[in-house]
Amino acid sequence: MAQVNDLSRSVTAFDPISTLVVVVEMSKARWLVSGAVPGVERQPLKKLEPDATALLRLIERWRSEAMRAGRPINRIGLAYEAGRDGFWLARWLIARGIEAHVIHSASVAVSRERKRAKTDRLDAAMLMRVFLGWLRGERGHCGMVVVPTMEEEAERRPSRERENLVNERSRITNRMKSALARLGIRGFKPHLRKAPERLTGLRTAEGTGLPANVIEEFRRDMARLALVREQISSIEKTRAERLARVPDTGPHAMVRLLARVIGIGIETADMLVREILSRKLRDRRAVARYAGLTGSPDESGLKSREKGLAKAGNARVRRGLIQLAWRFLMFQKDSALARWIAHVPRGRAARERRQ
């Protein structure tokens, strides 16, 4: 049976004689490009403006140098670290016949010295070392990130935008409640639609009304809350219309199927499909690693302890799966797993409930 590639190592045989290896240390102001050119003793290093066309010209120049040295190039491997620029460069290079990879930043081991030197040149050399190890098929050097298509990235935007808007709504509401608490007012709910009309009727602990500046600030905050609510409603309405328009397509059919499960709504189902089920993960352990739900043991000599969840993964997926676990206990109380968790002795619960 074919194994699913987990991107922890390359599954293609690496021939250093006919492979041009390039790494790019990217920043906002410039790119530092390092190469391992077959037949060329030196390891070239070139600073470029953030320009993909200039990068492609540099790669072709290095290919020509290798051919002049008697080493025809059959494969070009390029890698850069995941960051601000995202995946557009990888897609652009792949469309032009270059094998482009995006390195997971947290998978690269760095020096643990208290004051280690860090420059673009040293970072490029480090990326070259880990990328060569990855190309040789050795595990532990680095891990690659799946390069999504532009359509896949666009499909994730509504759910992520809604999450940001919900956080913004909570932030504004909590700030207003804190301001009221300083005046001795509790129980007021600023997120209600009729809250602006009730502002003038509020009384502080001293029995006076709210100061004029506070009322004006709250009215501006409530106007922002109304705008956030409107935008959240617009996202949900647009998504419902798309699901109704083409309900039987692959992702939409999966979202509708998951939403039939008790305790899972459209928002959670959409997150699961776009963030997890659209990926080719090998098994449930790979899902846990992707979500950051694996353990973080700390063992040395006689010391052995568990520091809790690693949290080194997709935070949205992790929050969603933890919420699903609580919903399982809420809506599936009579299941065997829920009964087992409820009756685990408290002394053992901390360790056994994570297994």
Foldseek 3Di string as FASTA:
>chain_A
DDFDDQQLADPDADDLLQEKEKEWEDDQAWIWIWIDAHLDPDIDIDIGGPDLVVVVVVVVVSQVVNVVSVRHHPAYEYEYEDDDVAQPSVVVVVVVPHHYWYWDPVLADDDPDPDDDDDSVVVRVLVVVLVVCRHNGDGSHTGTDDRDDPVLVVLCVLLVVLVVLVVVLVVLQVVLQVVLVVQVDPDQGLLDPCSLVCQQVDAGPVGHHDDPVSNVVSVVSSVVSVVSVVVSVVSVVVVVVVCVVCVPDDLNVQLVVVCVDPPDHSSLSSCCSSPPVVDDARDVVSVCVQQQLDWDWDDDDPDTDTPGGRRPHDPVSNVSVVSVVVSCCVPVVPDPVNVVLVPDPPVCNVPVVSD
